[in-house]
Amino acid sequence: MEILVNGEPRRFEGSLTVADLLESMGLAQRRVAVEVNREIVPRSQHGRHPLKQSDRVEVVFAIGGG
């Protein structure tokens, strides 16, 4: 399956959830916001939200400061 992640095409074999994607990117423990096809996926749903062929995923880092 091929999906777009932050505008870059990525290919994966087999089924994939948002949590799987974040793990493969080394971001499983990071504070990130994830949007799939312009809809926010809550962190509580990452493990249950399947990704499909041609999905557009945006991963945004939460950065604190002051």
C-alpha atoms as a PDB file:
ATOM      1  CA  MET A   1       0.000   0.000   0.000  1.00  0.00           C
ATOM      2  CA  GLU A   2       1.199   3.514  -0.714  1.00  0.00           C
ATOM      3  CA  ILE A   3       0.213   6.525   1.383  1.00  0.00           C
ATOM      4  CA  LEU A   4       1.389  10.133   1.555  1.00  0.00           C
ATOM      5  CA  VAL A   5       3.008  11.134   4.839  1.00  0.00           C
ATOM      6  CA  ASN A   6       3.644  14.859   5.194  1.00  0.00           C
ATOM      7  CA  GLY A   7       3.549  15.108   1.413  1.00  0.00           C
ATOM      8  CA  GLU A   8       6.052  12.285   0.808  1.00  0.00           C
ATOM      9  CA  PRO A   9       4.971   8.953  -0.708  1.00  0.00           C
ATOM     10  CA  ARG A  10       5.685   5.920   1.478  1.00  0.00           C
ATOM     11  CA  ARG A  11       5.104   2.256   0.694  1.00  0.00           C
ATOM     12  CA  PHE A  12       4.095  -0.347   3.288  1.00  0.00           C
ATOM     13  CA  GLU A  13       3.316  -4.047   3.092  1.00  0.00           C
ATOM     14  CA  GLY A  14       0.178  -5.403   4.737  1.00  0.00           C
ATOM     15  CA  SER A  15      -2.265  -3.624   7.007  1.00  0.00           C
ATOM     16  CA  LEU A  16      -1.238  -0.531   8.940  1.00  0.00           C
ATOM     17  CA  THR A  17      -2.744   1.591  11.697  1.00  0.00           C
ATOM     18  CA  VAL A  18      -1.804   5.122  12.687  1.00  0.00           C
ATOM     19  CA  ALA A  19       0.038   3.643  15.693  1.00  0.00           C
ATOM     20  CA  ASP A  20       1.995   1.304  13.381  1.00  0.00           C
ATOM     21  CA  LEU A  21       2.945   4.241  11.168  1.00  0.00           C
ATOM     22  CA  LEU A  22       4.167   6.298  14.126  1.00  0.00           C
ATOM     23  CA  GLU A  23       6.180   3.314  15.390  1.00  0.00           C
ATOM     24  CA  SER A  24       7.821   2.866  11.985  1.00  0.00           C
ATOM     25  CA  MET A  25       8.742   6.555  12.003  1.00  0.00           C
ATOM     26  CA  GLY A  26      10.233   6.372  15.512  1.00  0.00           C
ATOM     27  CA  LEU A  27       7.515   8.655  16.847  1.00  0.00           C
ATOM     28  CA  ALA A  28       5.484   6.267  19.013  1.00  0.00           C
ATOM     29  CA  GLN A  29       6.446   8.007  22.258  1.00  0.00           C
ATOM     30  CA  ARG A  30       6.453  11.578  20.926  1.00  0.00           C
ATOM     31  CA  ARG A  31       3.681  14.104  21.363  1.00  0.00           C
ATOM     32  CA  VAL A  32       2.257  14.442  17.882  1.00  0.00           C
ATOM     33  CA  ALA A  33      -1.037  15.313  16.257  1.00  0.00           C
ATOM     34  CA  VAL A  34      -2.127  13.110  13.368  1.00  0.00           C
ATOM     35  CA  GLU A  35      -4.518  14.008  10.598  1.00  0.00           C
ATOM     36  CA  VAL A  36      -5.736  11.450   8.036  1.00  0.00           C
ATOM     37  CA  ASN A  37      -7.461  12.844   4.970  1.00  0.00           C
ATOM     38  CA  ARG A  38      -7.951  16.191   6.740  1.00  0.00           C
ATOM     39  CA  GLU A  39      -9.553  14.657   9.851  1.00  0.00           C
ATOM     40  CA  ILE A  40      -7.785  14.623  13.219  1.00  0.00           C
ATOM     41  CA  VAL A  41      -7.319  11.152  14.663  1.00  0.00           C
ATOM     42  CA  PRO A  42      -7.361  11.314  18.488  1.00  0.00           C
ATOM     43  CA  ARG A  43      -4.408   9.638  20.198  1.00  0.00           C
ATOM     44  CA  SER A  44      -6.808   7.190  21.849  1.00  0.00           C
ATOM     45  CA  GLN A  45      -7.766   5.953  18.354  1.00  0.00           C
ATOM     46  CA  HIS A  46      -4.264   5.582  16.857  1.00  0.00           C
ATOM     47  CA  GLY A  47      -4.162   1.813  17.444  1.00  0.00           C
ATOM     48  CA  ARG A  48      -7.635   1.283  15.971  1.00  0.00           C
ATOM     49  CA  HIS A  49      -7.512   3.644  12.992  1.00  0.00           C
ATOM     50  CA  PRO A  50      -6.552   1.672   9.860  1.00  0.00           C
ATOM     51  CA  LEU A  51      -4.773   3.370   6.999  1.00  0.00           C
ATOM     52  CA  LYS A  52      -5.793   2.629   3.428  1.00  0.00           C
ATOM     53  CA  GLN A  53      -4.240   2.944  -0.016  1.00  0.00           C
ATOM     54  CA  SER A  54      -3.766   6.605  -1.041  1.00  0.00           C
ATOM     55  CA  ASP A  55      -4.525   8.044   2.428  1.00  0.00           C
ATOM     56  CA  ARG A  56      -2.968  11.434   3.097  1.00  0.00           C
ATOM     57  CA  VAL A  57      -1.434  11.592   6.563  1.00  0.00           C
ATOM     58  CA  GLU A  58      -0.041  14.674   8.250  1.00  0.00           C
ATOM     59  CA  VAL A  59       2.017  14.294  11.425  1.00  0.00           C
ATOM     60  CA  VAL A  60       2.648  17.476  13.398  1.00  0.00           C
ATOM     61  CA  PHE A  61       4.919  17.750  16.431  1.00  0.00           C
ATOM     62  CA  ALA A  62       3.653  19.454  19.575  1.00  0.00           C
ATOM     63  CA  ILE A  63       6.321  21.925  20.671  1.00  0.00           C
ATOM     64  CA  GLY A  64       6.110  23.800  23.943  1.00  0.00           C
ATOM     65  CA  GLY A  65       7.817  27.024  24.664  1.00  0.00           C
ATOM     66  CA  GLY A  66       7.448  30.342  26.225  1.00  0.00           C
END
